Amino acid sequence: MIPALATLDGETANPMLPALYDLAYLIVLIIVVALIVVSLVSIARHRDGSSSWATAVWSAVVVFAPLLGLIAWFVVGRPAARAAQLTPAARGR
């Protein structure tokens, strides 16, 4: 068993708590980085006639404002592509 650490006010602290917080932060960081990579790949593969400037702006938003950029891309940016793929005119039929 790991001995408890004494704090300044005389109470004992759990030495495993900081390690668990570090693990939780690491898991969240890995998830956010994975979502950023997925969204950047999705932006790069997105073909709906948008210009390269639009691709660059979406990429910059995702990189420089990760949480807001991820939400914006998957909520605002993607539905237009899905709707365009479903219409017969967009498929050339």
Protein backbone atom coordinates (compact mmCIF):
# COMPACT_ATOMS: atom_id res chain seq x y z
CA MET A 1 0.00 0.00 0.00
CA ILE A 2 1.23 3.50 -0.83
CA PRO A 3 1.57 5.76 2.19
CA ALA A 4 -0.51 8.94 2.21
CA LEU A 5 1.22 12.26 1.73
CA ALA A 6 0.94 14.98 4.36
CA THR A 7 -0.25 18.39 3.20
CA LEU A 8 0.41 21.79 4.75
CA ASP A 9 -2.87 21.82 6.68
CA GLY A 10 -2.14 18.45 8.28
CA GLU A 11 -4.56 16.40 6.17
CA THR A 12 -3.45 13.50 4.05
CA ALA A 13 -3.60 13.52 0.27
CA ASN A 14 -4.14 10.61 -2.04
CA PRO A 15 -0.95 10.19 -4.10
CA MET A 16 -2.84 8.41 -6.91
CA LEU A 17 -5.21 11.32 -7.57
CA PRO A 18 -2.76 13.42 -9.59
CA ALA A 19 -1.86 10.38 -11.70
CA LEU A 20 -5.52 9.74 -12.47
CA TYR A 21 -6.02 13.39 -13.45
CA ASP A 22 -2.99 13.17 -15.72
CA LEU A 23 -4.40 10.03 -17.31
CA ALA A 24 -7.80 11.67 -17.83
CA TYR A 25 -6.18 14.75 -19.42
CA LEU A 26 -4.08 12.50 -21.65
CA ILE A 27 -7.14 10.57 -22.83
CA VAL A 28 -9.03 13.79 -23.57
CA LEU A 29 -6.01 15.17 -25.42
CA ILE A 30 -5.71 12.02 -27.54
CA ILE A 31 -9.42 12.17 -28.40
CA VAL A 32 -9.24 15.84 -29.37
CA VAL A 33 -6.13 15.31 -31.52
CA ALA A 34 -7.78 12.32 -33.21
CA LEU A 35 -10.90 14.38 -33.93
CA ILE A 36 -8.78 17.19 -35.36
CA VAL A 37 -7.00 14.74 -37.67
CA VAL A 38 -10.32 13.19 -38.75
CA SER A 39 -11.83 16.60 -39.45
CA LEU A 40 -8.77 17.76 -41.41
CA VAL A 41 -8.89 14.62 -43.53
CA SER A 42 -12.62 15.15 -44.01
CA ILE A 43 -12.02 18.76 -45.06
CA ALA A 44 -9.30 17.72 -47.50
CA ARG A 45 -11.52 15.03 -49.06
CA HIS A 46 -14.60 17.25 -49.17
CA ARG A 47 -15.46 17.95 -52.79
CA ASP A 48 -18.52 20.08 -53.38
CA GLY A 49 -17.09 22.71 -55.69
CA SER A 50 -15.75 24.87 -52.88
CA SER A 51 -12.58 26.81 -53.52
CA SER A 52 -9.18 26.10 -52.08
CA TRP A 53 -9.64 29.24 -49.95
CA ALA A 54 -12.68 27.68 -48.28
CA THR A 55 -10.67 24.54 -47.57
CA ALA A 56 -7.84 26.63 -46.11
CA VAL A 57 -10.24 28.65 -43.95
CA TRP A 58 -11.96 25.52 -42.60
CA SER A 59 -8.57 23.96 -41.88
CA ALA A 60 -7.40 27.10 -40.05
CA VAL A 61 -10.59 27.23 -38.00
CA VAL A 62 -10.18 23.59 -36.96
CA VAL A 63 -6.48 24.03 -36.09
CA PHE A 64 -6.67 27.39 -34.29
CA ALA A 65 -10.04 26.92 -32.54
CA PRO A 66 -10.18 23.14 -32.10
CA LEU A 67 -13.41 22.65 -30.18
CA LEU A 68 -15.36 25.34 -32.02
CA GLY A 69 -13.84 24.33 -35.36
CA LEU A 70 -14.68 20.64 -34.91
CA ILE A 71 -18.26 21.38 -33.97
CA ALA A 72 -18.66 23.91 -36.78
CA TRP A 73 -17.26 21.56 -39.43
CA PHE A 74 -19.34 18.55 -38.48
CA VAL A 75 -22.54 20.56 -37.89
CA VAL A 76 -22.33 23.31 -40.52
CA GLY A 77 -19.79 22.18 -43.11
CA ARG A 78 -20.75 18.56 -43.64
CA PRO A 79 -24.58 18.60 -44.05
CA ALA A 80 -24.29 20.60 -47.29
CA ALA A 81 -22.13 17.85 -48.77
CA ARG A 82 -24.52 15.12 -47.68
CA ALA A 83 -27.50 16.98 -49.13
CA ALA A 84 -25.64 17.55 -52.40
CA GLN A 85 -24.79 13.86 -52.67
CA LEU A 86 -28.43 12.87 -52.24
CA THR A 87 -29.86 15.07 -55.00
CA PRO A 88 -29.99 13.54 -58.49
CA ALA A 89 -28.67 16.75 -60.11
CA ALA A 90 -25.51 16.61 -58.05
CA ARG A 91 -24.83 13.03 -59.17
CA GLY A 92 -25.22 13.92 -62.84
CA ARG A 93 -28.39 11.92 -63.44
